[in-house]
């Protein structure tokens, strides 16, 4: 809907992001302008650490502008170009985005365009949700016509694809798709065109995380799987329940501040310098974060399934039993046991 510039307020020396409604979009009719104004209204009502802040809305010379917080960081979309993320980092992103959506949903606003391009990972370790351009305010008259699909195809929920009424559970689904991509490094639904993608979303069939991210922790994969259930009633009842599930996962896996983990991760990917990283976290936190990211994803402690050590102990015993069976020793051993009675 618009183009974003980096600007500077000269009097208070604050850098900002200025979003302008493009003339091409503005000429398409009142709906585009109304959506732009509604986005500004939504942002003006939010006060949350994980949602970009609106400073001002300006109408000047037939132009419309939003003056917003400039997030110093990188989009999750750009980070994903280098492959999957460590599971604990994925969970932290999930918690922060769930917290942002919890705040928005409390105001009865459904985002409807949850995707990596609309998430910024800041150099301070915060993950920020942006772009409420097609958000649905349940308290206002609907702008989307019945039967019309609105959103970004790959991340749309089945009800969005079908042009059906959506509620907060649609955002839960889309966030699940983002977390899937973060763990696997690939999108769950792909196709040569939007039609093919929509068809796959409707069926609810996608590559299982057990295949594309086999070493990811089982509890985290279960959380993502529930988010992506085809029917809304089978997902988490709301984003607050999803946030609690992610918090429980992190309480069993993460032994450091979540923001420190994000900063250390960005440093490991070369997105921030060592000087920038150490200006925000301590050396001890950096070392802890590096251990978290280096920890084998397939270890019992990481998977959280409680079966790893059991199989590690049973495997050698099973191999010995198989050897004796194949070499004919089993009857002899049975004979010794019988004669010993």
C-alpha atoms as a PDB file:
ATOM      1  CA  UNK A   1       0.000   0.000   0.000  1.00  0.00           C
ATOM      2  CA  UNK A   2       2.882   2.361   0.539  1.00  0.00           C
ATOM      3  CA  UNK A   3       6.572   3.078   0.377  1.00  0.00           C
ATOM      4  CA  UNK A   4       8.719   3.510   3.494  1.00  0.00           C
ATOM      5  CA  UNK A   5      11.493   6.074   3.888  1.00  0.00           C
ATOM      6  CA  UNK A   6      14.086   6.580   6.575  1.00  0.00           C
ATOM      7  CA  UNK A   7      13.788  10.082   7.998  1.00  0.00           C
ATOM      8  CA  UNK A   8      15.187  12.218  10.766  1.00  0.00           C
ATOM      9  CA  UNK A   9      13.495  14.664  13.121  1.00  0.00           C
ATOM     10  CA  UNK A  10      16.036  17.480  13.194  1.00  0.00           C
ATOM     11  CA  UNK A  11      14.897  19.131  16.415  1.00  0.00           C
ATOM     12  CA  UNK A  12      15.068  16.033  18.600  1.00  0.00           C
ATOM     13  CA  UNK A  13      17.586  14.120  16.415  1.00  0.00           C
ATOM     14  CA  UNK A  14      15.418  11.011  16.237  1.00  0.00           C
ATOM     15  CA  UNK A  15      15.511   8.699  13.231  1.00  0.00           C
ATOM     16  CA  UNK A  16      12.082   7.506  12.130  1.00  0.00           C
ATOM     17  CA  UNK A  17      10.377   5.440   9.442  1.00  0.00           C
ATOM     18  CA  UNK A  18       7.938   7.366   7.249  1.00  0.00           C
ATOM     19  CA  UNK A  19       5.317   5.350   5.409  1.00  0.00           C
ATOM     20  CA  UNK A  20       3.656   7.148   2.511  1.00  0.00           C
ATOM     21  CA  UNK A  21       0.478   6.051   0.784  1.00  0.00           C
ATOM     22  CA  UNK A  22       1.537   5.868  -2.858  1.00  0.00           C
ATOM     23  CA  UNK A  23      -0.367   7.960  -5.389  1.00  0.00           C
ATOM     24  CA  UNK A  24      -1.070   4.866  -7.517  1.00  0.00           C
ATOM     25  CA  UNK A  25      -2.819   3.165  -4.620  1.00  0.00           C
ATOM     26  CA  UNK A  26      -4.572   6.343  -3.494  1.00  0.00           C
ATOM     27  CA  UNK A  27      -6.090   6.797  -6.956  1.00  0.00           C
ATOM     28  CA  UNK A  28      -7.760   3.375  -6.799  1.00  0.00           C
ATOM     29  CA  UNK A  29     -10.496   4.699  -4.577  1.00  0.00           C
ATOM     30  CA  UNK A  30     -11.583   5.509  -1.057  1.00  0.00           C
ATOM     31  CA  UNK A  31     -10.994   1.963   0.196  1.00  0.00           C
ATOM     32  CA  UNK A  32      -7.198   2.272  -0.043  1.00  0.00           C
ATOM     33  CA  UNK A  33      -7.158   5.538   1.890  1.00  0.00           C
ATOM     34  CA  UNK A  34      -9.556   4.133   4.471  1.00  0.00           C
ATOM     35  CA  UNK A  35      -7.323   1.082   5.008  1.00  0.00           C
ATOM     36  CA  UNK A  36      -4.291   3.357   5.400  1.00  0.00           C
ATOM     37  CA  UNK A  37      -6.079   5.458   8.004  1.00  0.00           C
ATOM     38  CA  UNK A  38      -7.320   2.361   9.812  1.00  0.00           C
ATOM     39  CA  UNK A  39      -3.766   1.037  10.016  1.00  0.00           C
ATOM     40  CA  UNK A  40      -2.716   4.312  11.640  1.00  0.00           C
ATOM     41  CA  UNK A  41      -5.661   4.126  14.066  1.00  0.00           C
ATOM     42  CA  UNK A  42      -4.731   0.577  15.030  1.00  0.00           C
ATOM     43  CA  UNK A  43      -1.071   1.424  15.622  1.00  0.00           C
ATOM     44  CA  UNK A  44      -2.034   4.526  17.603  1.00  0.00           C
ATOM     45  CA  UNK A  45      -3.989   2.339  20.011  1.00  0.00           C
ATOM     46  CA  UNK A  46      -1.169  -0.131  20.638  1.00  0.00           C
ATOM     47  CA  UNK A  47       1.369   0.183  23.447  1.00  0.00           C
ATOM     48  CA  UNK A  48       3.478  -2.922  23.185  1.00  0.00           C
ATOM     49  CA  UNK A  49       7.177  -3.691  23.084  1.00  0.00           C
ATOM     50  CA  UNK A  50       6.769  -6.076  20.146  1.00  0.00           C
ATOM     51  CA  UNK A  51       4.641  -3.816  17.905  1.00  0.00           C
ATOM     52  CA  UNK A  52       6.102  -0.850  16.037  1.00  0.00           C
ATOM     53  CA  UNK A  53       5.102   2.482  17.569  1.00  0.00           C
ATOM     54  CA  UNK A  54       3.246   5.195  15.653  1.00  0.00           C
ATOM     55  CA  UNK A  55       4.442   8.741  16.377  1.00  0.00           C
ATOM     56  CA  UNK A  56       2.265  10.805  14.044  1.00  0.00           C
ATOM     57  CA  UNK A  57      -0.150  10.773  11.105  1.00  0.00           C
ATOM     58  CA  UNK A  58       0.197  13.610   8.593  1.00  0.00           C
ATOM     59  CA  UNK A  59      -1.935  14.783   5.690  1.00  0.00           C
ATOM     60  CA  UNK A  60      -0.093  17.307   3.509  1.00  0.00           C
ATOM     61  CA  UNK A  61      -0.378  18.393  -0.133  1.00  0.00           C
ATOM     62  CA  UNK A  62      -2.806  15.562  -0.928  1.00  0.00           C
ATOM     63  CA  UNK A  63      -0.340  13.067   0.562  1.00  0.00           C
ATOM     64  CA  UNK A  64      -0.787  10.817   3.574  1.00  0.00           C
ATOM     65  CA  UNK A  65       2.059   9.762   5.852  1.00  0.00           C
ATOM     66  CA  UNK A  66       2.604   7.670   8.974  1.00  0.00           C
ATOM     67  CA  UNK A  67       5.639   8.576  11.097  1.00  0.00           C
ATOM     68  CA  UNK A  68       6.730   5.456  12.947  1.00  0.00           C
ATOM     69  CA  UNK A  69       9.447   3.966  15.085  1.00  0.00           C
ATOM     70  CA  UNK A  70      12.502   3.009  13.053  1.00  0.00           C
ATOM     71  CA  UNK A  71      13.506  -0.527  14.015  1.00  0.00           C
ATOM     72  CA  UNK A  72      17.275  -0.953  13.834  1.00  0.00           C
ATOM     73  CA  UNK A  73      17.595  -4.529  12.685  1.00  0.00           C
ATOM     74  CA  UNK A  74      16.710  -6.993   9.945  1.00  0.00           C
ATOM     75  CA  UNK A  75      13.523  -8.692   8.793  1.00  0.00           C
ATOM     76  CA  UNK A  76      12.995 -12.342   9.615  1.00  0.00           C
ATOM     77  CA  UNK A  77      12.569 -12.909   5.883  1.00  0.00           C
ATOM     78  CA  UNK A  78      16.162 -11.819   5.255  1.00  0.00           C
ATOM     79  CA  UNK A  79      17.444 -13.967   8.122  1.00  0.00           C
ATOM     80  CA  UNK A  80      15.687 -17.041   6.708  1.00  0.00           C
ATOM     81  CA  UNK A  81      17.547 -16.687   3.412  1.00  0.00           C
ATOM     82  CA  UNK A  82      20.520 -18.269   5.207  1.00  0.00           C
ATOM     83  CA  UNK A  83      18.642 -21.344   6.357  1.00  0.00           C
ATOM     84  CA  UNK A  84      16.728 -22.623   9.412  1.00  0.00           C
ATOM     85  CA  UNK A  85      17.095 -21.121  12.873  1.00  0.00           C
ATOM     86  CA  UNK A  86      18.067 -22.800  16.176  1.00  0.00           C
ATOM     87  CA  UNK A  87      14.951 -24.160  17.923  1.00  0.00           C
ATOM     88  CA  UNK A  88      15.280 -21.967  21.010  1.00  0.00           C
ATOM     89  CA  UNK A  89      15.560 -18.870  18.814  1.00  0.00           C
ATOM     90  CA  UNK A  90      12.425 -20.007  16.957  1.00  0.00           C
ATOM     91  CA  UNK A  91      10.563 -20.396  20.252  1.00  0.00           C
ATOM     92  CA  UNK A  92      11.630 -16.915  21.410  1.00  0.00           C
ATOM     93  CA  UNK A  93      10.392 -15.418  18.136  1.00  0.00           C
ATOM     94  CA  UNK A  94       7.127 -17.296  18.622  1.00  0.00           C
ATOM     95  CA  UNK A  95       6.639 -16.026  22.174  1.00  0.00           C
ATOM     96  CA  UNK A  96       7.318 -12.409  21.244  1.00  0.00           C
ATOM     97  CA  UNK A  97       5.012 -12.535  18.227  1.00  0.00           C
ATOM     98  CA  UNK A  98       2.317 -14.296  20.247  1.00  0.00           C
ATOM     99  CA  UNK A  99       2.602 -11.561  22.862  1.00  0.00           C
ATOM    100  CA  UNK A 100       2.205  -8.874  20.172  1.00  0.00           C
ATOM    101  CA  UNK A 101      -0.842 -10.621  18.709  1.00  0.00           C
ATOM    102  CA  UNK A 102      -2.338 -11.112  22.167  1.00  0.00           C
ATOM    103  CA  UNK A 103      -2.235  -7.324  22.582  1.00  0.00           C
ATOM    104  CA  UNK A 104      -3.769  -6.755  19.136  1.00  0.00           C
ATOM    105  CA  UNK A 105      -6.473  -9.381  19.584  1.00  0.00           C
ATOM    106  CA  UNK A 106      -7.434  -7.851  22.938  1.00  0.00           C
ATOM    107  CA  UNK A 107      -8.190  -4.695  20.941  1.00  0.00           C
ATOM    108  CA  UNK A 108     -10.248  -6.949  18.596  1.00  0.00           C
ATOM    109  CA  UNK A 109      -7.861  -6.480  15.690  1.00  0.00           C
ATOM    110  CA  UNK A 110      -6.817  -9.483  13.557  1.00  0.00           C
ATOM    111  CA  UNK A 111      -3.574  -8.882  11.634  1.00  0.00           C
ATOM    112  CA  UNK A 112      -4.300 -11.200   8.652  1.00  0.00           C
ATOM    113  CA  UNK A 113      -0.818 -10.851   7.142  1.00  0.00           C
ATOM    114  CA  UNK A 114       1.540 -12.633   9.525  1.00  0.00           C
ATOM    115  CA  UNK A 115       4.730 -13.445   7.592  1.00  0.00           C
ATOM    116  CA  UNK A 116       8.527 -13.152   8.003  1.00  0.00           C
ATOM    117  CA  UNK A 117       8.644  -9.944   5.935  1.00  0.00           C
ATOM    118  CA  UNK A 118       6.429  -8.255   8.546  1.00  0.00           C
ATOM    119  CA  UNK A 119       8.677  -9.178  11.478  1.00  0.00           C
ATOM    120  CA  UNK A 120      11.827  -7.255  12.394  1.00  0.00           C
ATOM    121  CA  UNK A 121      14.560  -8.664  14.620  1.00  0.00           C
ATOM    122  CA  UNK A 122      16.090  -5.635  16.314  1.00  0.00           C
ATOM    123  CA  UNK A 123      19.662  -5.285  17.517  1.00  0.00           C
ATOM    124  CA  UNK A 124      18.346  -5.015  21.074  1.00  0.00           C
ATOM    125  CA  UNK A 125      16.856  -8.511  20.906  1.00  0.00           C
ATOM    126  CA  UNK A 126      13.217  -7.536  20.402  1.00  0.00           C
ATOM    127  CA  UNK A 127      11.128  -8.979  17.579  1.00  0.00           C
ATOM    128  CA  UNK A 128       8.688  -6.380  16.218  1.00  0.00           C
ATOM    129  CA  UNK A 129       5.429  -6.954  14.358  1.00  0.00           C
ATOM    130  CA  UNK A 130       4.736  -4.486  11.537  1.00  0.00           C
ATOM    131  CA  UNK A 131       2.308  -3.659   8.727  1.00  0.00           C
ATOM    132  CA  UNK A 132      -1.315  -3.737   9.829  1.00  0.00           C
ATOM    133  CA  UNK A 133      -2.364  -2.588   6.341  1.00  0.00           C
ATOM    134  CA  UNK A 134      -4.991  -5.309   5.827  1.00  0.00           C
ATOM    135  CA  UNK A 135      -5.826  -5.864   9.492  1.00  0.00           C
ATOM    136  CA  UNK A 136      -9.430  -6.610  10.381  1.00  0.00           C
ATOM    137  CA  UNK A 137     -10.925  -4.412  13.089  1.00  0.00           C
ATOM    138  CA  UNK A 138     -13.889  -6.415  14.342  1.00  0.00           C
ATOM    139  CA  UNK A 139     -15.477  -3.225  15.719  1.00  0.00           C
ATOM    140  CA  UNK A 140     -15.581  -1.460  12.333  1.00  0.00           C
ATOM    141  CA  UNK A 141     -17.400  -2.102   9.091  1.00  0.00           C
ATOM    142  CA  UNK A 142     -15.687  -4.790   7.014  1.00  0.00           C
ATOM    143  CA  UNK A 143     -13.880  -3.600   3.882  1.00  0.00           C
ATOM    144  CA  UNK A 144     -13.199  -7.072   2.500  1.00  0.00           C
ATOM    145  CA  UNK A 145     -16.075  -8.377   0.406  1.00  0.00           C
ATOM    146  CA  UNK A 146     -17.516 -11.827   1.134  1.00  0.00           C
ATOM    147  CA  UNK A 147     -15.678 -14.538  -0.763  1.00  0.00           C
ATOM    148  CA  UNK A 148     -12.564 -12.398  -1.277  1.00  0.00           C
ATOM    149  CA  UNK A 149      -9.180 -13.799  -0.186  1.00  0.00           C
ATOM    150  CA  UNK A 150      -6.893 -11.203   1.434  1.00  0.00           C
ATOM    151  CA  UNK A 151      -3.331 -11.862   2.568  1.00  0.00           C
ATOM    152  CA  UNK A 152      -0.055 -13.388   1.378  1.00  0.00           C
ATOM    153  CA  UNK A 153      -0.830 -16.807  -0.207  1.00  0.00           C
ATOM    154  CA  UNK A 154       1.864 -18.941   1.435  1.00  0.00           C
ATOM    155  CA  UNK A 155       0.936 -17.857   4.962  1.00  0.00           C
ATOM    156  CA  UNK A 156      -2.851 -17.642   4.668  1.00  0.00           C
ATOM    157  CA  UNK A 157      -5.129 -19.818   6.771  1.00  0.00           C
ATOM    158  CA  UNK A 158      -7.599 -22.194   5.085  1.00  0.00           C
ATOM    159  CA  UNK A 159     -10.478 -19.884   5.997  1.00  0.00           C
ATOM    160  CA  UNK A 160      -8.650 -16.919   4.440  1.00  0.00           C
ATOM    161  CA  UNK A 161      -8.040 -18.926   1.271  1.00  0.00           C
ATOM    162  CA  UNK A 162     -11.747 -19.733   1.056  1.00  0.00           C
ATOM    163  CA  UNK A 163     -12.799 -16.129   1.591  1.00  0.00           C
ATOM    164  CA  UNK A 164     -14.596 -17.144   4.773  1.00  0.00           C
ATOM    165  CA  UNK A 165     -14.969 -15.059   7.961  1.00  0.00           C
ATOM    166  CA  UNK A 166     -11.776 -15.078  10.038  1.00  0.00           C
ATOM    167  CA  UNK A 167     -11.010 -14.519  13.693  1.00  0.00           C
ATOM    168  CA  UNK A 168      -7.903 -14.535  15.879  1.00  0.00           C
ATOM    169  CA  UNK A 169      -7.299 -18.244  15.202  1.00  0.00           C
ATOM    170  CA  UNK A 170      -6.367 -17.319  11.634  1.00  0.00           C
ATOM    171  CA  UNK A 171      -3.351 -15.410  13.006  1.00  0.00           C
ATOM    172  CA  UNK A 172      -2.497 -18.457  15.146  1.00  0.00           C
ATOM    173  CA  UNK A 173      -2.379 -20.559  11.971  1.00  0.00           C
ATOM    174  CA  UNK A 174      -0.212 -18.058  10.077  1.00  0.00           C
ATOM    175  CA  UNK A 175       2.219 -17.763  12.989  1.00  0.00           C
ATOM    176  CA  UNK A 176       2.470 -21.555  12.988  1.00  0.00           C
ATOM    177  CA  UNK A 177       3.421 -21.456   9.282  1.00  0.00           C
ATOM    178  CA  UNK A 178       6.165 -18.919  10.079  1.00  0.00           C
ATOM    179  CA  UNK A 179       7.529 -21.084  12.919  1.00  0.00           C
ATOM    180  CA  UNK A 180       7.457 -24.123  10.589  1.00  0.00           C
ATOM    181  CA  UNK A 181       9.580 -22.225   8.057  1.00  0.00           C
ATOM    182  CA  UNK A 182      11.974 -21.117  10.792  1.00  0.00           C
ATOM    183  CA  UNK A 183      12.528 -24.727  11.933  1.00  0.00           C
ATOM    184  CA  UNK A 184      12.657 -26.352   8.493  1.00  0.00           C
ATOM    185  CA  UNK A 185      14.172 -23.587   6.381  1.00  0.00           C
ATOM    186  CA  UNK A 186      11.452 -24.143   3.765  1.00  0.00           C
ATOM    187  CA  UNK A 187       7.819 -23.094   3.394  1.00  0.00           C
ATOM    188  CA  UNK A 188       5.178 -25.771   4.058  1.00  0.00           C
ATOM    189  CA  UNK A 189       3.074 -24.770   1.049  1.00  0.00           C
ATOM    190  CA  UNK A 190       4.603 -24.007  -2.340  1.00  0.00           C
ATOM    191  CA  UNK A 191       3.411 -23.996  -5.932  1.00  0.00           C
ATOM    192  CA  UNK A 192       3.884 -22.513  -9.386  1.00  0.00           C
ATOM    193  CA  UNK A 193       1.091 -20.029  -8.676  1.00  0.00           C
ATOM    194  CA  UNK A 194      -1.305 -18.892  -5.976  1.00  0.00           C
ATOM    195  CA  UNK A 195      -3.929 -21.383  -7.130  1.00  0.00           C
ATOM    196  CA  UNK A 196      -1.633 -24.354  -6.483  1.00  0.00           C
ATOM    197  CA  UNK A 197      -0.678 -22.967  -3.076  1.00  0.00           C
ATOM    198  CA  UNK A 198      -4.330 -22.428  -2.152  1.00  0.00           C
ATOM    199  CA  UNK A 199      -5.192 -25.995  -3.165  1.00  0.00           C
ATOM    200  CA  UNK A 200      -2.513 -27.414  -0.840  1.00  0.00           C
ATOM    201  CA  UNK A 201      -3.608 -25.198   2.041  1.00  0.00           C
ATOM    202  CA  UNK A 202      -7.215 -26.373   1.644  1.00  0.00           C
ATOM    203  CA  UNK A 203      -6.183 -30.026   1.924  1.00  0.00           C
ATOM    204  CA  UNK A 204      -3.973 -29.313   4.922  1.00  0.00           C
ATOM    205  CA  UNK A 205      -1.222 -31.547   3.545  1.00  0.00           C
ATOM    206  CA  UNK A 206       2.391 -30.449   3.872  1.00  0.00           C
ATOM    207  CA  UNK A 207       5.775 -32.131   4.541  1.00  0.00           C
ATOM    208  CA  UNK A 208       5.835 -33.296   8.158  1.00  0.00           C
ATOM    209  CA  UNK A 209       8.363 -31.552  10.398  1.00  0.00           C
ATOM    210  CA  UNK A 210       9.638 -34.984  11.385  1.00  0.00           C
ATOM    211  CA  UNK A 211      10.938 -35.291   7.823  1.00  0.00           C
ATOM    212  CA  UNK A 212      12.121 -31.757   7.041  1.00  0.00           C
ATOM    213  CA  UNK A 213      13.350 -30.911  10.562  1.00  0.00           C
ATOM    214  CA  UNK A 214      13.934 -34.310  12.186  1.00  0.00           C
ATOM    215  CA  UNK A 215      16.304 -33.013  14.859  1.00  0.00           C
ATOM    216  CA  UNK A 216      14.013 -30.245  16.066  1.00  0.00           C
ATOM    217  CA  UNK A 217      12.620 -30.798  19.594  1.00  0.00           C
ATOM    218  CA  UNK A 218       9.448 -32.853  19.652  1.00  0.00           C
ATOM    219  CA  UNK A 219       7.490 -30.481  21.959  1.00  0.00           C
ATOM    220  CA  UNK A 220       8.185 -27.550  19.635  1.00  0.00           C
ATOM    221  CA  UNK A 221       7.118 -29.531  16.576  1.00  0.00           C
ATOM    222  CA  UNK A 222       3.898 -30.478  18.362  1.00  0.00           C
ATOM    223  CA  UNK A 223       3.168 -26.805  19.071  1.00  0.00           C
ATOM    224  CA  UNK A 224       3.636 -25.888  15.413  1.00  0.00           C
ATOM    225  CA  UNK A 225       1.539 -28.836  14.266  1.00  0.00           C
ATOM    226  CA  UNK A 226      -1.378 -27.757  16.448  1.00  0.00           C
ATOM    227  CA  UNK A 227      -1.161 -24.159  15.176  1.00  0.00           C
ATOM    228  CA  UNK A 228      -1.457 -25.436  11.603  1.00  0.00           C
ATOM    229  CA  UNK A 229      -4.522 -27.617  12.037  1.00  0.00           C
ATOM    230  CA  UNK A 230      -6.855 -27.141   9.079  1.00  0.00           C
ATOM    231  CA  UNK A 231      -9.968 -26.548  11.181  1.00  0.00           C
ATOM    232  CA  UNK A 232      -9.873 -23.521  13.522  1.00  0.00           C
ATOM    233  CA  UNK A 233     -11.509 -25.492  16.361  1.00  0.00           C
ATOM    234  CA  UNK A 234      -8.549 -27.913  16.385  1.00  0.00           C
ATOM    235  CA  UNK A 235      -5.942 -25.163  16.855  1.00  0.00           C
ATOM    236  CA  UNK A 236      -5.102 -23.318  20.057  1.00  0.00           C
ATOM    237  CA  UNK A 237      -8.260 -21.599  21.257  1.00  0.00           C
ATOM    238  CA  UNK A 238      -6.478 -18.251  21.147  1.00  0.00           C
ATOM    239  CA  UNK A 239      -2.990 -16.810  20.902  1.00  0.00           C
ATOM    240  CA  UNK A 240      -2.748 -16.609  24.707  1.00  0.00           C
ATOM    241  CA  UNK A 241      -2.925 -20.405  24.926  1.00  0.00           C
ATOM    242  CA  UNK A 242      -0.234 -20.641  22.241  1.00  0.00           C
ATOM    243  CA  UNK A 243       1.965 -18.224  24.172  1.00  0.00           C
ATOM    244  CA  UNK A 244       1.614 -20.305  27.328  1.00  0.00           C
ATOM    245  CA  UNK A 245       2.666 -23.446  25.432  1.00  0.00           C
ATOM    246  CA  UNK A 246       5.763 -21.698  24.075  1.00  0.00           C
ATOM    247  CA  UNK A 247       6.571 -20.285  27.527  1.00  0.00           C
ATOM    248  CA  UNK A 248       6.435 -23.800  29.001  1.00  0.00           C
ATOM    249  CA  UNK A 249       8.787 -25.042  26.298  1.00  0.00           C
ATOM    250  CA  UNK A 250      11.290 -22.254  26.945  1.00  0.00           C
ATOM    251  CA  UNK A 251      11.123 -22.725  30.723  1.00  0.00           C
ATOM    252  CA  UNK A 252      12.455 -26.266  30.199  1.00  0.00           C
ATOM    253  CA  UNK A 253      15.074 -25.361  27.584  1.00  0.00           C
ATOM    254  CA  UNK A 254      16.296 -21.779  27.876  1.00  0.00           C
ATOM    255  CA  UNK A 255      18.543 -20.741  30.760  1.00  0.00           C
ATOM    256  CA  UNK A 256      19.142 -17.127  29.759  1.00  0.00           C
ATOM    257  CA  UNK A 257      17.304 -13.937  28.820  1.00  0.00           C
ATOM    258  CA  UNK A 258      15.451 -14.320  25.531  1.00  0.00           C
ATOM    259  CA  UNK A 259      16.601 -10.928  24.233  1.00  0.00           C
ATOM    260  CA  UNK A 260      20.228 -11.886  24.862  1.00  0.00           C
ATOM    261  CA  UNK A 261      19.729 -15.036  22.795  1.00  0.00           C
ATOM    262  CA  UNK A 262      18.382 -13.011  19.850  1.00  0.00           C
ATOM    263  CA  UNK A 263      21.327 -10.578  20.026  1.00  0.00           C
ATOM    264  CA  UNK A 264      23.832 -13.455  20.127  1.00  0.00           C
ATOM    265  CA  UNK A 265      22.061 -15.167  17.237  1.00  0.00           C
ATOM    266  CA  UNK A 266      22.195 -12.026  15.085  1.00  0.00           C
ATOM    267  CA  UNK A 267      25.913 -11.751  15.839  1.00  0.00           C
ATOM    268  CA  UNK A 268      26.445 -15.399  14.849  1.00  0.00           C
ATOM    269  CA  UNK A 269      24.760 -14.685  11.495  1.00  0.00           C
ATOM    270  CA  UNK A 270      26.893 -11.585  10.958  1.00  0.00           C
ATOM    271  CA  UNK A 271      23.900  -9.233  11.179  1.00  0.00           C
ATOM    272  CA  UNK A 272      25.408  -7.151  13.971  1.00  0.00           C
ATOM    273  CA  UNK A 273      29.031  -6.523  14.911  1.00  0.00           C
ATOM    274  CA  UNK A 274      30.777  -7.829  18.004  1.00  0.00           C
ATOM    275  CA  UNK A 275      30.929  -4.301  19.376  1.00  0.00           C
ATOM    276  CA  UNK A 276      27.160  -3.872  18.933  1.00  0.00           C
ATOM    277  CA  UNK A 277      26.488  -7.230  20.544  1.00  0.00           C
ATOM    278  CA  UNK A 278      28.668  -6.642  23.602  1.00  0.00           C
ATOM    279  CA  UNK A 279      27.149  -3.183  24.079  1.00  0.00           C
ATOM    280  CA  UNK A 280      23.876  -4.962  24.870  1.00  0.00           C
ATOM    281  CA  UNK A 281      24.777  -8.286  26.496  1.00  0.00           C
ATOM    282  CA  UNK A 282      27.569  -9.555  28.725  1.00  0.00           C
ATOM    283  CA  UNK A 283      30.329 -11.952  27.752  1.00  0.00           C
ATOM    284  CA  UNK A 284      28.781 -14.605  30.003  1.00  0.00           C
ATOM    285  CA  UNK A 285      25.431 -14.268  28.210  1.00  0.00           C
ATOM    286  CA  UNK A 286      27.179 -14.515  24.852  1.00  0.00           C
ATOM    287  CA  UNK A 287      28.916 -17.740  25.901  1.00  0.00           C
ATOM    288  CA  UNK A 288      25.632 -19.211  27.139  1.00  0.00           C
ATOM    289  CA  UNK A 289      23.917 -18.294  23.883  1.00  0.00           C
ATOM    290  CA  UNK A 290      26.667 -19.882  21.823  1.00  0.00           C
ATOM    291  CA  UNK A 291      26.262 -23.110  23.802  1.00  0.00           C
ATOM    292  CA  UNK A 292      22.513 -23.057  23.188  1.00  0.00           C
ATOM    293  CA  UNK A 293      23.009 -22.644  19.448  1.00  0.00           C
ATOM    294  CA  UNK A 294      25.738 -25.315  19.304  1.00  0.00           C
ATOM    295  CA  UNK A 295      23.799 -27.866  21.383  1.00  0.00           C
ATOM    296  CA  UNK A 296      22.941 -30.924  19.226  1.00  0.00           C
ATOM    297  CA  UNK A 297      19.287 -30.660  18.271  1.00  0.00           C
ATOM    298  CA  UNK A 298      18.894 -34.410  18.447  1.00  0.00           C
ATOM    299  CA  UNK A 299      20.024 -34.820  22.070  1.00  0.00           C
ATOM    300  CA  UNK A 300      17.433 -36.044  24.603  1.00  0.00           C
ATOM    301  CA  UNK A 301      17.596 -32.756  26.534  1.00  0.00           C
ATOM    302  CA  UNK A 302      16.922 -30.765  23.357  1.00  0.00           C
ATOM    303  CA  UNK A 303      14.216 -33.025  21.948  1.00  0.00           C
ATOM    304  CA  UNK A 304      12.400 -33.240  25.249  1.00  0.00           C
ATOM    305  CA  UNK A 305      10.869 -36.604  24.355  1.00  0.00           C
ATOM    306  CA  UNK A 306      12.464 -38.524  27.250  1.00  0.00           C
ATOM    307  CA  UNK A 307      13.322 -41.514  25.041  1.00  0.00           C
ATOM    308  CA  UNK A 308      16.792 -40.636  23.832  1.00  0.00           C
ATOM    309  CA  UNK A 309      18.762 -42.169  26.697  1.00  0.00           C
ATOM    310  CA  UNK A 310      16.580 -45.294  26.722  1.00  0.00           C
ATOM    311  CA  UNK A 311      17.362 -46.078  23.105  1.00  0.00           C
ATOM    312  CA  UNK A 312      21.027 -45.221  23.624  1.00  0.00           C
ATOM    313  CA  UNK A 313      21.228 -47.956  26.296  1.00  0.00           C
ATOM    314  CA  UNK A 314      19.080 -50.542  24.555  1.00  0.00           C
ATOM    315  CA  UNK A 315      20.717 -50.309  21.141  1.00  0.00           C
ATOM    316  CA  UNK A 316      23.969 -52.179  22.073  1.00  0.00           C
ATOM    317  CA  UNK A 317      22.004 -54.918  23.875  1.00  0.00           C
ATOM    318  CA  UNK A 318      19.729 -55.378  20.876  1.00  0.00           C
ATOM    319  CA  UNK A 319      22.756 -55.591  18.570  1.00  0.00           C
ATOM    320  CA  UNK A 320      24.314 -58.348  20.718  1.00  0.00           C
ATOM    321  CA  UNK A 321      21.044 -60.315  20.784  1.00  0.00           C
ATOM    322  CA  UNK A 322      20.759 -60.039  17.018  1.00  0.00           C
ATOM    323  CA  UNK A 323      24.347 -61.285  16.592  1.00  0.00           C
ATOM    324  CA  UNK A 324      23.789 -64.409  18.712  1.00  0.00           C
ATOM    325  CA  UNK A 325      20.520 -65.123  16.922  1.00  0.00           C
ATOM    326  CA  UNK A 326      22.134 -64.997  13.490  1.00  0.00           C
ATOM    327  CA  UNK A 327      25.227 -67.046  14.469  1.00  0.00           C
ATOM    328  CA  UNK A 328      23.324 -69.893  16.069  1.00  0.00           C
ATOM    329  CA  UNK A 329      24.418 -69.134  19.621  1.00  0.00           C
ATOM    330  CA  UNK A 330      20.892 -68.618  20.916  1.00  0.00           C
ATOM    331  CA  UNK A 331      20.046 -72.392  21.153  1.00  0.00           C
ATOM    332  CA  UNK A 332      23.315 -73.021  22.992  1.00  0.00           C
ATOM    333  CA  UNK A 333      22.637 -70.261  25.490  1.00  0.00           C
ATOM    334  CA  UNK A 334      19.141 -71.666  26.046  1.00  0.00           C
ATOM    335  CA  UNK A 335      20.671 -75.075  26.708  1.00  0.00           C
ATOM    336  CA  UNK A 336      23.031 -73.693  29.342  1.00  0.00           C
ATOM    337  CA  UNK A 337      20.155 -71.916  31.071  1.00  0.00           C
ATOM    338  CA  UNK A 338      18.074 -75.118  31.076  1.00  0.00           C
ATOM    339  CA  UNK A 339      20.894 -77.336  32.400  1.00  0.00           C
ATOM    340  CA  UNK A 340      21.591 -74.795  35.123  1.00  0.00           C
ATOM    341  CA  UNK A 341      18.147 -75.339  36.596  1.00  0.00           C
END
